[in-house]
Amino acid sequence: MVPYILCMILFLIGVYGIIAKKNLIKIVIGMVIIEYAVNLILILVGYRSGGAAPIITSIEGASREASTFVDPLPQALIVTSIVIGLSVTVLAIVLCLRLYEKYGTLDILHIRRLRG
């Protein structure tokens, strides 16, 4: 139960970074923190205490119950999520750099005033 609570706290820290901060880089960092929190929660969903890897190497291993194996599907989905999250983060950083080149600031309030 404690890891789920810690993941929720991490998620809320990311939400705070997106809502309360005015700097675009800090908002992107908040977005990355939220992504990591969601990845951790999904990994925790697939975890089983005392579970083994779902690799059957012999006939005796086939007789084990399915409840003793760790679910591999969330792990595969998280690998995909990490790759997609990295590309989204790079895109957000590139947009921040382009906005800085155009407006000379990363503050959202100044960029809104310089609309043109």
PDB file of N, CA and C in Angstrom:
ATOM      1  N   MET A   1       0.827  -1.203   0.000  1.00  0.00           N
ATOM      2  CA  MET A   1       0.000   0.000   0.000  1.00  0.00           C
ATOM      3  C   MET A   1       0.869   1.263   0.000  1.00  0.00           C
ATOM      4  N   VAL A   2       1.994   1.190   0.697  1.00  0.00           N
ATOM      5  CA  VAL A   2       2.879   2.354   0.787  1.00  0.00           C
ATOM      6  C   VAL A   2       3.422   2.763  -0.587  1.00  0.00           C
ATOM      7  N   PRO A   3       3.848   1.826  -1.459  1.00  0.00           N
ATOM      8  CA  PRO A   3       4.335   2.267  -2.775  1.00  0.00           C
ATOM      9  C   PRO A   3       3.267   2.989  -3.599  1.00  0.00           C
ATOM     10  N   TYR A   4       2.005   2.567  -3.473  1.00  0.00           N
ATOM     11  CA  TYR A   4       0.930   3.254  -4.203  1.00  0.00           C
ATOM     12  C   TYR A   4       0.753   4.683  -3.696  1.00  0.00           C
ATOM     13  N   ILE A   5       0.869   4.864  -2.400  1.00  0.00           N
ATOM     14  CA  ILE A   5       0.744   6.203  -1.824  1.00  0.00           C
ATOM     15  C   ILE A   5       1.906   7.080  -2.276  1.00  0.00           C
ATOM     16  N   LEU A   6       3.112   6.513  -2.301  1.00  0.00           N
ATOM     17  CA  LEU A   6       4.270   7.280  -2.764  1.00  0.00           C
ATOM     18  C   LEU A   6       4.148   7.643  -4.241  1.00  0.00           C
ATOM     19  N   CYS A   7       3.600   6.743  -5.036  1.00  0.00           N
ATOM     20  CA  CYS A   7       3.367   7.061  -6.450  1.00  0.00           C
ATOM     21  C   CYS A   7       2.334   8.168  -6.605  1.00  0.00           C
ATOM     22  N   MET A   8       1.312   8.149  -5.760  1.00  0.00           N
ATOM     23  CA  MET A   8       0.307   9.206  -5.814  1.00  0.00           C
ATOM     24  C   MET A   8       0.909  10.548  -5.400  1.00  0.00           C
ATOM     25  N   ILE A   9       1.784  10.539  -4.411  1.00  0.00           N
ATOM     26  CA  ILE A   9       2.466  11.777  -4.003  1.00  0.00           C
ATOM     27  C   ILE A   9       3.339  12.290  -5.148  1.00  0.00           C
ATOM     28  N   LEU A  10       4.053  11.387  -5.814  1.00  0.00           N
ATOM     29  CA  LEU A  10       4.871  11.775  -6.960  1.00  0.00           C
ATOM     30  C   LEU A  10       4.001  12.362  -8.072  1.00  0.00           C
ATOM     31  N   PHE A  11       2.849  11.756  -8.311  1.00  0.00           N
ATOM     32  CA  PHE A  11       1.912  12.271  -9.309  1.00  0.00           C
ATOM     33  C   PHE A  11       1.436  13.678  -8.942  1.00  0.00           C
ATOM     34  N   LEU A  12       1.109  13.885  -7.667  1.00  0.00           N
ATOM     35  CA  LEU A  12       0.644  15.200  -7.229  1.00  0.00           C
ATOM     36  C   LEU A  12       1.740  16.257  -7.309  1.00  0.00           C
ATOM     37  N   ILE A  13       2.984  15.863  -7.083  1.00  0.00           N
ATOM     38  CA  ILE A  13       4.101  16.800  -7.259  1.00  0.00           C
ATOM     39  C   ILE A  13       4.182  17.246  -8.716  1.00  0.00           C
ATOM     40  N   GLY A  14       4.000  16.314  -9.638  1.00  0.00           N
ATOM     41  CA  GLY A  14       4.003  16.664 -11.056  1.00  0.00           C
ATOM     42  C   GLY A  14       2.843  17.571 -11.438  1.00  0.00           C
ATOM     43  N   VAL A  15       1.661  17.303 -10.882  1.00  0.00           N
ATOM     44  CA  VAL A  15       0.502  18.165 -11.146  1.00  0.00           C
ATOM     45  C   VAL A  15       0.756  19.572 -10.608  1.00  0.00           C
ATOM     46  N   TYR A  16       1.354  19.649  -9.416  1.00  0.00           N
ATOM     47  CA  TYR A  16       1.704  20.964  -8.860  1.00  0.00           C
ATOM     48  C   TYR A  16       2.676  21.701  -9.785  1.00  0.00           C
ATOM     49  N   GLY A  17       3.652  20.975 -10.334  1.00  0.00           N
ATOM     50  CA  GLY A  17       4.615  21.602 -11.233  1.00  0.00           C
ATOM     51  C   GLY A  17       3.960  22.130 -12.498  1.00  0.00           C
ATOM     52  N   ILE A  18       2.945  21.448 -12.985  1.00  0.00           N
ATOM     53  CA  ILE A  18       2.271  21.908 -14.202  1.00  0.00           C
ATOM     54  C   ILE A  18       1.350  23.088 -13.911  1.00  0.00           C
ATOM     55  N   ILE A  19       0.629  23.026 -12.798  1.00  0.00           N
ATOM     56  CA  ILE A  19      -0.375  24.057 -12.511  1.00  0.00           C
ATOM     57  C   ILE A  19       0.234  25.329 -11.945  1.00  0.00           C
ATOM     58  N   ALA A  20       1.162  25.206 -11.010  1.00  0.00           N
ATOM     59  CA  ALA A  20       1.620  26.377 -10.257  1.00  0.00           C
ATOM     60  C   ALA A  20       2.790  27.113 -10.892  1.00  0.00           C
ATOM     61  N   LYS A  21       3.583  26.469 -11.688  1.00  0.00           N
ATOM     62  CA  LYS A  21       4.786  27.098 -12.233  1.00  0.00           C
ATOM     63  C   LYS A  21       4.481  27.849 -13.522  1.00  0.00           C
ATOM     64  N   LYS A  22       5.227  28.900 -13.758  1.00  0.00           N
ATOM     65  CA  LYS A  22       5.033  29.726 -14.949  1.00  0.00           C
ATOM     66  C   LYS A  22       6.143  29.549 -15.977  1.00  0.00           C
ATOM     67  N   ASN A  23       7.222  28.877 -15.597  1.00  0.00           N
ATOM     68  CA  ASN A  23       8.336  28.641 -16.505  1.00  0.00           C
ATOM     69  C   ASN A  23       8.043  27.382 -17.320  1.00  0.00           C
ATOM     70  N   LEU A  24       8.253  27.448 -18.635  1.00  0.00           N
ATOM     71  CA  LEU A  24       7.930  26.326 -19.504  1.00  0.00           C
ATOM     72  C   LEU A  24       8.779  25.089 -19.215  1.00  0.00           C
ATOM     73  N   ILE A  25      10.043  25.277 -18.867  1.00  0.00           N
ATOM     74  CA  ILE A  25      10.906  24.135 -18.561  1.00  0.00           C
ATOM     75  C   ILE A  25      10.411  23.422 -17.305  1.00  0.00           C
ATOM     76  N   LYS A  26       9.973  24.172 -16.305  1.00  0.00           N
ATOM     77  CA  LYS A  26       9.445  23.562 -15.078  1.00  0.00           C
ATOM     78  C   LYS A  26       8.139  22.827 -15.351  1.00  0.00           C
ATOM     79  N   ILE A  27       7.363  23.315 -16.282  1.00  0.00           N
ATOM     80  CA  ILE A  27       6.128  22.624 -16.663  1.00  0.00           C
ATOM     81  C   ILE A  27       6.457  21.307 -17.360  1.00  0.00           C
ATOM     82  N   VAL A  28       7.463  21.307 -18.206  1.00  0.00           N
ATOM     83  CA  VAL A  28       7.881  20.065 -18.872  1.00  0.00           C
ATOM     84  C   VAL A  28       8.417  19.070 -17.842  1.00  0.00           C
ATOM     85  N   ILE A  29       9.158  19.545 -16.853  1.00  0.00           N
ATOM     86  CA  ILE A  29       9.658  18.667 -15.793  1.00  0.00           C
ATOM     87  C   ILE A  29       8.488  18.073 -15.011  1.00  0.00           C
ATOM     88  N   GLY A  30       7.467  18.869 -14.737  1.00  0.00           N
ATOM     89  CA  GLY A  30       6.270  18.356 -14.076  1.00  0.00           C
ATOM     90  C   GLY A  30       5.584  17.283 -14.903  1.00  0.00           C
ATOM     91  N   MET A  31       5.560  17.475 -16.204  1.00  0.00           N
ATOM     92  CA  MET A  31       4.965  16.484 -17.102  1.00  0.00           C
ATOM     93  C   MET A  31       5.757  15.171 -17.061  1.00  0.00           C
ATOM     94  N   VAL A  32       7.071  15.261 -17.001  1.00  0.00           N
ATOM     95  CA  VAL A  32       7.914  14.070 -16.931  1.00  0.00           C
ATOM     96  C   VAL A  32       7.708  13.350 -15.597  1.00  0.00           C
ATOM     97  N   ILE A  33       7.567  14.096 -14.516  1.00  0.00           N
ATOM     98  CA  ILE A  33       7.328  13.492 -13.205  1.00  0.00           C
ATOM     99  C   ILE A  33       6.002  12.738 -13.200  1.00  0.00           C
ATOM    100  N   ILE A  34       4.981  13.302 -13.815  1.00  0.00           N
ATOM    101  CA  ILE A  34       3.695  12.606 -13.918  1.00  0.00           C
ATOM    102  C   ILE A  34       3.840  11.320 -14.722  1.00  0.00           C
ATOM    103  N   GLU A  35       4.601  11.387 -15.794  1.00  0.00           N
ATOM    104  CA  GLU A  35       4.812  10.191 -16.614  1.00  0.00           C
ATOM    105  C   GLU A  35       5.489   9.086 -15.803  1.00  0.00           C
ATOM    106  N   TYR A  36       6.504   9.436 -15.036  1.00  0.00           N
ATOM    107  CA  TYR A  36       7.202   8.435 -14.221  1.00  0.00           C
ATOM    108  C   TYR A  36       6.285   7.864 -13.147  1.00  0.00           C
ATOM    109  N   ALA A  37       5.439   8.703 -12.571  1.00  0.00           N
ATOM    110  CA  ALA A  37       4.510   8.212 -11.546  1.00  0.00           C
ATOM    111  C   ALA A  37       3.528   7.214 -12.134  1.00  0.00           C
ATOM    112  N   VAL A  38       3.009   7.500 -13.309  1.00  0.00           N
ATOM    113  CA  VAL A  38       2.068   6.576 -13.957  1.00  0.00           C
ATOM    114  C   VAL A  38       2.774   5.273 -14.334  1.00  0.00           C
ATOM    115  N   ASN A  39       4.009   5.372 -14.817  1.00  0.00           N
ATOM    116  CA  ASN A  39       4.764   4.159 -15.135  1.00  0.00           C
ATOM    117  C   ASN A  39       4.982   3.306 -13.886  1.00  0.00           C
ATOM    118  N   LEU A  40       5.312   3.933 -12.774  1.00  0.00           N
ATOM    119  CA  LEU A  40       5.515   3.183 -11.532  1.00  0.00           C
ATOM    120  C   LEU A  40       4.228   2.505 -11.062  1.00  0.00           C
ATOM    121  N   ILE A  41       3.120   3.205 -11.178  1.00  0.00           N
ATOM    122  CA  ILE A  41       1.845   2.611 -10.770  1.00  0.00           C
ATOM    123  C   ILE A  41       1.523   1.398 -11.642  1.00  0.00           C
ATOM    124  N   LEU A  42       1.748   1.501 -12.940  1.00  0.00           N
ATOM    125  CA  LEU A  42       1.472   0.370 -13.823  1.00  0.00           C
ATOM    126  C   LEU A  42       2.403  -0.807 -13.560  1.00  0.00           C
ATOM    127  N   ILE A  43       3.643  -0.540 -13.223  1.00  0.00           N
ATOM    128  CA  ILE A  43       4.560  -1.625 -12.868  1.00  0.00           C
ATOM    129  C   ILE A  43       4.113  -2.288 -11.573  1.00  0.00           C
ATOM    130  N   LEU A  44       3.644  -1.489 -10.617  1.00  0.00           N
ATOM    131  CA  LEU A  44       3.174  -2.060  -9.351  1.00  0.00           C
ATOM    132  C   LEU A  44       1.933  -2.927  -9.532  1.00  0.00           C
ATOM    133  N   VAL A  45       1.112  -2.608 -10.513  1.00  0.00           N
ATOM    134  CA  VAL A  45      -0.085  -3.410 -10.767  1.00  0.00           C
ATOM    135  C   VAL A  45       0.303  -4.835 -11.185  1.00  0.00           C
ATOM    136  N   GLY A  46       1.379  -4.969 -11.959  1.00  0.00           N
ATOM    137  CA  GLY A  46       1.798  -6.279 -12.437  1.00  0.00           C
ATOM    138  C   GLY A  46       2.651  -7.055 -11.453  1.00  0.00           C
ATOM    139  N   TYR A  47       3.040  -6.447 -10.334  1.00  0.00           N
ATOM    140  CA  TYR A  47       3.929  -7.113  -9.371  1.00  0.00           C
ATOM    141  C   TYR A  47       3.147  -8.048  -8.460  1.00  0.00           C
ATOM    142  N   ARG A  48       3.741  -9.193  -8.152  1.00  0.00           N
ATOM    143  CA  ARG A  48       3.179 -10.129  -7.177  1.00  0.00           C
ATOM    144  C   ARG A  48       4.269 -10.486  -6.187  1.00  0.00           C
ATOM    145  N   SER A  49       3.923 -10.432  -4.934  1.00  0.00           N
ATOM    146  CA  SER A  49       4.885 -10.765  -3.896  1.00  0.00           C
ATOM    147  C   SER A  49       5.246 -12.249  -3.981  1.00  0.00           C
ATOM    148  N   GLY A  50       6.532 -12.532  -4.074  1.00  0.00           N
ATOM    149  CA  GLY A  50       6.985 -13.912  -4.175  1.00  0.00           C
ATOM    150  C   GLY A  50       6.823 -14.497  -5.560  1.00  0.00           C
ATOM    151  N   GLY A  51       6.486 -13.692  -6.530  1.00  0.00           N
ATOM    152  CA  GLY A  51       6.277 -14.180  -7.885  1.00  0.00           C
ATOM    153  C   GLY A  51       7.590 -14.419  -8.603  1.00  0.00           C
ATOM    154  N   ALA A  52       7.522 -15.250  -9.612  1.00  0.00           N
ATOM    155  CA  ALA A  52       8.690 -15.559 -10.426  1.00  0.00           C
ATOM    156  C   ALA A  52       8.456 -15.070 -11.848  1.00  0.00           C
ATOM    157  N   ALA A  53       9.535 -15.004 -12.604  1.00  0.00           N
ATOM    158  CA  ALA A  53       9.425 -14.623 -14.012  1.00  0.00           C
ATOM    159  C   ALA A  53       8.627 -15.689 -14.761  1.00  0.00           C
ATOM    160  N   PRO A  54       7.771 -15.301 -15.689  1.00  0.00           N
ATOM    161  CA  PRO A  54       6.923 -16.280 -16.393  1.00  0.00           C
ATOM    162  C   PRO A  54       7.665 -17.007 -17.501  1.00  0.00           C
ATOM    163  N   ILE A  55       8.776 -17.625 -17.144  1.00  0.00           N
ATOM    164  CA  ILE A  55       9.574 -18.379 -18.113  1.00  0.00           C
ATOM    165  C   ILE A  55       9.559 -19.843 -17.675  1.00  0.00           C
ATOM    166  N   ILE A  56       9.061 -20.692 -18.514  1.00  0.00           N
ATOM    167  CA  ILE A  56       8.981 -22.117 -18.208  1.00  0.00           C
ATOM    168  C   ILE A  56      10.106 -22.808 -18.968  1.00  0.00           C
ATOM    169  N   THR A  57      11.017 -23.416 -18.220  1.00  0.00           N
ATOM    170  CA  THR A  57      12.175 -24.053 -18.853  1.00  0.00           C
ATOM    171  C   THR A  57      12.089 -25.570 -18.869  1.00  0.00           C
ATOM    172  N   SER A  58      11.161 -26.129 -18.098  1.00  0.00           N
ATOM    173  CA  SER A  58      11.067 -27.591 -18.068  1.00  0.00           C
ATOM    174  C   SER A  58       9.613 -28.005 -17.893  1.00  0.00           C
ATOM    175  N   ILE A  59       9.375 -29.286 -17.958  1.00  0.00           N
ATOM    176  CA  ILE A  59       8.025 -29.828 -17.789  1.00  0.00           C
ATOM    177  C   ILE A  59       7.533 -29.600 -16.358  1.00  0.00           C
ATOM    178  N   GLU A  60       8.437 -29.663 -15.379  1.00  0.00           N
ATOM    179  CA  GLU A  60       8.029 -29.441 -13.990  1.00  0.00           C
ATOM    180  C   GLU A  60       7.559 -28.009 -13.778  1.00  0.00           C
ATOM    181  N   GLY A  61       8.162 -27.077 -14.505  1.00  0.00           N
ATOM    182  CA  GLY A  61       7.771 -25.678 -14.379  1.00  0.00           C
ATOM    183  C   GLY A  61       6.381 -25.413 -14.924  1.00  0.00           C
ATOM    184  N   ALA A  62       5.925 -26.240 -15.844  1.00  0.00           N
ATOM    185  CA  ALA A  62       4.600 -26.053 -16.434  1.00  0.00           C
ATOM    186  C   ALA A  62       3.490 -26.370 -15.447  1.00  0.00           C
ATOM    187  N   SER A  63       3.817 -27.126 -14.404  1.00  0.00           N
ATOM    188  CA  SER A  63       2.786 -27.479 -13.437  1.00  0.00           C
ATOM    189  C   SER A  63       2.563 -26.396 -12.388  1.00  0.00           C
ATOM    190  N   ARG A  64       3.394 -25.360 -12.374  1.00  0.00           N
ATOM    191  CA  ARG A  64       3.205 -24.275 -11.415  1.00  0.00           C
ATOM    192  C   ARG A  64       1.937 -23.508 -11.733  1.00  0.00           C
ATOM    193  N   GLU A  65       1.322 -22.974 -10.716  1.00  0.00           N
ATOM    194  CA  GLU A  65       0.089 -22.207 -10.919  1.00  0.00           C
ATOM    195  C   GLU A  65       0.409 -20.850 -11.535  1.00  0.00           C
ATOM    196  N   ALA A  66      -0.536 -20.321 -12.295  1.00  0.00           N
ATOM    197  CA  ALA A  66      -0.344 -19.030 -12.942  1.00  0.00           C
ATOM    198  C   ALA A  66      -0.300 -17.896 -11.927  1.00  0.00           C
ATOM    199  N   SER A  67      -0.832 -18.103 -10.737  1.00  0.00           N
ATOM    200  CA  SER A  67      -0.837 -17.038  -9.733  1.00  0.00           C
ATOM    201  C   SER A  67       0.540 -16.798  -9.131  1.00  0.00           C
ATOM    202  N   THR A  68       1.495 -17.687  -9.370  1.00  0.00           N
ATOM    203  CA  THR A  68       2.840 -17.483  -8.828  1.00  0.00           C
ATOM    204  C   THR A  68       3.738 -16.713  -9.784  1.00  0.00           C
ATOM    205  N   PHE A  69       3.256 -16.407 -10.968  1.00  0.00           N
ATOM    206  CA  PHE A  69       4.052 -15.669 -11.941  1.00  0.00           C
ATOM    207  C   PHE A  69       3.751 -14.172 -11.868  1.00  0.00           C
ATOM    208  N   VAL A  70       4.760 -13.383 -12.176  1.00  0.00           N
ATOM    209  CA  VAL A  70       4.596 -11.932 -12.295  1.00  0.00           C
ATOM    210  C   VAL A  70       4.003 -11.655 -13.674  1.00  0.00           C
ATOM    211  N   ASP A  71       3.083 -10.704 -13.742  1.00  0.00           N
ATOM    212  CA  ASP A  71       2.425 -10.383 -15.014  1.00  0.00           C
ATOM    213  C   ASP A  71       3.404  -9.617 -15.917  1.00  0.00           C
ATOM    214  N   PRO A  72       3.760 -10.141 -17.089  1.00  0.00           N
ATOM    215  CA  PRO A  72       4.729  -9.462 -17.954  1.00  0.00           C
ATOM    216  C   PRO A  72       4.129  -8.367 -18.831  1.00  0.00           C
ATOM    217  N   LEU A  73       2.821  -8.324 -18.970  1.00  0.00           N
ATOM    218  CA  LEU A  73       2.192  -7.348 -19.859  1.00  0.00           C
ATOM    219  C   LEU A  73       2.443  -5.907 -19.423  1.00  0.00           C
ATOM    220  N   PRO A  74       2.280  -5.527 -18.136  1.00  0.00           N
ATOM    221  CA  PRO A  74       2.585  -4.143 -17.761  1.00  0.00           C
ATOM    222  C   PRO A  74       4.041  -3.762 -18.020  1.00  0.00           C
ATOM    223  N   GLN A  75       4.954  -4.710 -17.881  1.00  0.00           N
ATOM    224  CA  GLN A  75       6.354  -4.407 -18.125  1.00  0.00           C
ATOM    225  C   GLN A  75       6.586  -4.089 -19.596  1.00  0.00           C
ATOM    226  N   ALA A  76       5.951  -4.836 -20.474  1.00  0.00           N
ATOM    227  CA  ALA A  76       6.087  -4.571 -21.907  1.00  0.00           C
ATOM    228  C   ALA A  76       5.449  -3.234 -22.276  1.00  0.00           C
ATOM    229  N   LEU A  77       4.311  -2.938 -21.679  1.00  0.00           N
ATOM    230  CA  LEU A  77       3.654  -1.661 -21.958  1.00  0.00           C
ATOM    231  C   LEU A  77       4.480  -0.475 -21.447  1.00  0.00           C
ATOM    232  N   ILE A  78       5.154  -0.652 -20.329  1.00  0.00           N
ATOM    233  CA  ILE A  78       5.963   0.434 -19.775  1.00  0.00           C
ATOM    234  C   ILE A  78       7.180   0.706 -20.645  1.00  0.00           C
ATOM    235  N   VAL A  79       7.761  -0.323 -21.232  1.00  0.00           N
ATOM    236  CA  VAL A  79       8.888  -0.099 -22.144  1.00  0.00           C
ATOM    237  C   VAL A  79       8.431   0.766 -23.313  1.00  0.00           C
ATOM    238  N   THR A  80       7.264   0.473 -23.846  1.00  0.00           N
ATOM    239  CA  THR A  80       6.709   1.294 -24.924  1.00  0.00           C
ATOM    240  C   THR A  80       6.400   2.704 -24.431  1.00  0.00           C
ATOM    241  N   SER A  81       5.860   2.815 -23.234  1.00  0.00           N
ATOM    242  CA  SER A  81       5.522   4.118 -22.664  1.00  0.00           C
ATOM    243  C   SER A  81       6.762   4.980 -22.440  1.00  0.00           C
ATOM    244  N   ILE A  82       7.851   4.360 -22.048  1.00  0.00           N
ATOM    245  CA  ILE A  82       9.086   5.115 -21.831  1.00  0.00           C
ATOM    246  C   ILE A  82       9.591   5.703 -23.143  1.00  0.00           C
ATOM    247  N   VAL A  83       9.534   4.929 -24.214  1.00  0.00           N
ATOM    248  CA  VAL A  83       9.992   5.418 -25.519  1.00  0.00           C
ATOM    249  C   VAL A  83       9.107   6.559 -26.003  1.00  0.00           C
ATOM    250  N   ILE A  84       7.801   6.399 -25.883  1.00  0.00           N
ATOM    251  CA  ILE A  84       6.880   7.453 -26.310  1.00  0.00           C
ATOM    252  C   ILE A  84       7.043   8.693 -25.435  1.00  0.00           C
ATOM    253  N   GLY A  85       7.185   8.494 -24.132  1.00  0.00           N
ATOM    254  CA  GLY A  85       7.373   9.625 -23.220  1.00  0.00           C
ATOM    255  C   GLY A  85       8.648  10.394 -23.509  1.00  0.00           C
ATOM    256  N   LEU A  86       9.710   9.677 -23.864  1.00  0.00           N
ATOM    257  CA  LEU A  86      10.956  10.356 -24.203  1.00  0.00           C
ATOM    258  C   LEU A  86      10.783  11.222 -25.444  1.00  0.00           C
ATOM    259  N   SER A  87      10.093  10.699 -26.444  1.00  0.00           N
ATOM    260  CA  SER A  87       9.901  11.494 -27.661  1.00  0.00           C
ATOM    261  C   SER A  87       9.006  12.703 -27.406  1.00  0.00           C
ATOM    262  N   VAL A  88       7.991  12.556 -26.564  1.00  0.00           N
ATOM    263  CA  VAL A  88       7.134  13.698 -26.227  1.00  0.00           C
ATOM    264  C   VAL A  88       7.921  14.744 -25.445  1.00  0.00           C
ATOM    265  N   THR A  89       8.787  14.300 -24.544  1.00  0.00           N
ATOM    266  CA  THR A  89       9.614  15.227 -23.778  1.00  0.00           C
ATOM    267  C   THR A  89      10.566  15.995 -24.675  1.00  0.00           C
ATOM    268  N   VAL A  90      11.182  15.301 -25.623  1.00  0.00           N
ATOM    269  CA  VAL A  90      12.086  15.975 -26.559  1.00  0.00           C
ATOM    270  C   VAL A  90      11.324  16.995 -27.394  1.00  0.00           C
ATOM    271  N   LEU A  91      10.135  16.630 -27.846  1.00  0.00           N
ATOM    272  CA  LEU A  91       9.319  17.573 -28.612  1.00  0.00           C
ATOM    273  C   LEU A  91       8.963  18.804 -27.779  1.00  0.00           C
ATOM    274  N   ALA A  92       8.597  18.605 -26.516  1.00  0.00           N
ATOM    275  CA  ALA A  92       8.254  19.734 -25.650  1.00  0.00           C
ATOM    276  C   ALA A  92       9.465  20.640 -25.407  1.00  0.00           C
ATOM    277  N   ILE A  93      10.642  20.052 -25.226  1.00  0.00           N
ATOM    278  CA  ILE A  93      11.847  20.853 -25.018  1.00  0.00           C
ATOM    279  C   ILE A  93      12.193  21.642 -26.277  1.00  0.00           C
ATOM    280  N   VAL A  94      12.029  21.027 -27.440  1.00  0.00           N
ATOM    281  CA  VAL A  94      12.294  21.739 -28.697  1.00  0.00           C
ATOM    282  C   VAL A  94      11.319  22.901 -28.863  1.00  0.00           C
ATOM    283  N   LEU A  95      10.052  22.695 -28.516  1.00  0.00           N
ATOM    284  CA  LEU A  95       9.090  23.796 -28.588  1.00  0.00           C
ATOM    285  C   LEU A  95       9.467  24.916 -27.616  1.00  0.00           C
ATOM    286  N   CYS A  96       9.944  24.547 -26.433  1.00  0.00           N
ATOM    287  CA  CYS A  96      10.395  25.564 -25.473  1.00  0.00           C
ATOM    288  C   CYS A  96      11.573  26.360 -26.029  1.00  0.00           C
ATOM    289  N   LEU A  97      12.510  25.667 -26.684  1.00  0.00           N
ATOM    290  CA  LEU A  97      13.660  26.369 -27.274  1.00  0.00           C
ATOM    291  C   LEU A  97      13.223  27.310 -28.386  1.00  0.00           C
ATOM    292  N   ARG A  98      12.280  26.870 -29.210  1.00  0.00           N
ATOM    293  CA  ARG A  98      11.787  27.743 -30.294  1.00  0.00           C
ATOM    294  C   ARG A  98      11.047  28.961 -29.729  1.00  0.00           C
ATOM    295  N   LEU A  99      10.271  28.761 -28.681  1.00  0.00           N
ATOM    296  CA  LEU A  99       9.597  29.900 -28.056  1.00  0.00           C
ATOM    297  C   LEU A  99      10.601  30.861 -27.440  1.00  0.00           C
ATOM    298  N   TYR A 100      11.664  30.319 -26.866  1.00  0.00           N
ATOM    299  CA  TYR A 100      12.692  31.187 -26.284  1.00  0.00           C
ATOM    300  C   TYR A 100      13.411  31.979 -27.377  1.00  0.00           C
ATOM    301  N   GLU A 101      13.663  31.339 -28.520  1.00  0.00           N
ATOM    302  CA  GLU A 101      14.302  32.054 -29.623  1.00  0.00           C
ATOM    303  C   GLU A 101      13.412  33.171 -30.153  1.00  0.00           C
ATOM    304  N   LYS A 102      12.110  32.930 -30.200  1.00  0.00           N
ATOM    305  CA  LYS A 102      11.196  33.928 -30.759  1.00  0.00           C
ATOM    306  C   LYS A 102      10.898  35.056 -29.782  1.00  0.00           C
ATOM    307  N   TYR A 103      10.606  34.722 -28.516  1.00  0.00           N
ATOM    308  CA  TYR A 103      10.158  35.719 -27.552  1.00  0.00           C
ATOM    309  C   TYR A 103      11.232  36.147 -26.561  1.00  0.00           C
ATOM    310  N   GLY A 104      12.301  35.382 -26.403  1.00  0.00           N
ATOM    311  CA  GLY A 104      13.358  35.740 -25.481  1.00  0.00           C
ATOM    312  C   GLY A 104      13.039  35.457 -24.020  1.00  0.00           C
ATOM    313  N   THR A 105      11.994  34.702 -23.755  1.00  0.00           N
ATOM    314  CA  THR A 105      11.619  34.355 -22.393  1.00  0.00           C
ATOM    315  C   THR A 105      10.920  32.997 -22.381  1.00  0.00           C
ATOM    316  N   LEU A 106      10.934  32.370 -21.210  1.00  0.00           N
ATOM    317  CA  LEU A 106      10.210  31.118 -21.029  1.00  0.00           C
ATOM    318  C   LEU A 106       9.020  31.283 -20.093  1.00  0.00           C
ATOM    319  N   ASP A 107       8.756  32.509 -19.682  1.00  0.00           N
ATOM    320  CA  ASP A 107       7.638  32.786 -18.782  1.00  0.00           C
ATOM    321  C   ASP A 107       6.338  32.829 -19.582  1.00  0.00           C
ATOM    322  N   ILE A 108       5.359  32.069 -19.137  1.00  0.00           N
ATOM    323  CA  ILE A 108       4.086  31.976 -19.858  1.00  0.00           C
ATOM    324  C   ILE A 108       3.373  33.320 -19.913  1.00  0.00           C
ATOM    325  N   LEU A 109       3.409  34.058 -18.836  1.00  0.00           N
ATOM    326  CA  LEU A 109       2.707  35.344 -18.803  1.00  0.00           C
ATOM    327  C   LEU A 109       3.289  36.327 -19.808  1.00  0.00           C
ATOM    328  N   HIS A 110       4.611  36.350 -19.954  1.00  0.00           N
ATOM    329  CA  HIS A 110       5.223  37.254 -20.934  1.00  0.00           C
ATOM    330  C   HIS A 110       4.932  36.812 -22.362  1.00  0.00           C
ATOM    331  N   ILE A 111       4.919  35.517 -22.600  1.00  0.00           N
ATOM    332  CA  ILE A 111       4.638  35.015 -23.943  1.00  0.00           C
ATOM    333  C   ILE A 111       3.198  35.339 -24.346  1.00  0.00           C
ATOM    334  N   ARG A 112       2.273  35.266 -23.407  1.00  0.00           N
ATOM    335  CA  ARG A 112       0.879  35.601 -23.708  1.00  0.00           C
ATOM    336  C   ARG A 112       0.745  37.079 -24.075  1.00  0.00           C
ATOM    337  N   ARG A 113       1.502  37.936 -23.392  1.00  0.00           N
ATOM    338  CA  ARG A 113       1.436  39.373 -23.692  1.00  0.00           C
ATOM    339  C   ARG A 113       2.097  39.706 -25.028  1.00  0.00           C
ATOM    340  N   LEU A 114       3.072  38.909 -25.451  1.00  0.00           N
ATOM    341  CA  LEU A 114       3.800  39.195 -26.681  1.00  0.00           C
ATOM    342  C   LEU A 114       3.183  38.535 -27.910  1.00  0.00           C
ATOM    343  N   ARG A 115       1.958  38.079 -27.753  1.00  0.00           N
ATOM    344  CA  ARG A 115       1.280  37.420 -28.859  1.00  0.00           C
ATOM    345  C   ARG A 115       1.221  38.339 -30.072  1.00  0.00           C
ATOM    346  N   GLY A 116       1.489  37.790 -31.264  1.00  0.00           N
ATOM    347  CA  GLY A 116       1.461  38.687 -32.402  1.00  0.00           C
ATOM    348  C   GLY A 116       1.539  38.060 -33.717  1.00  0.00           C
TER     349      GLY A 116
END
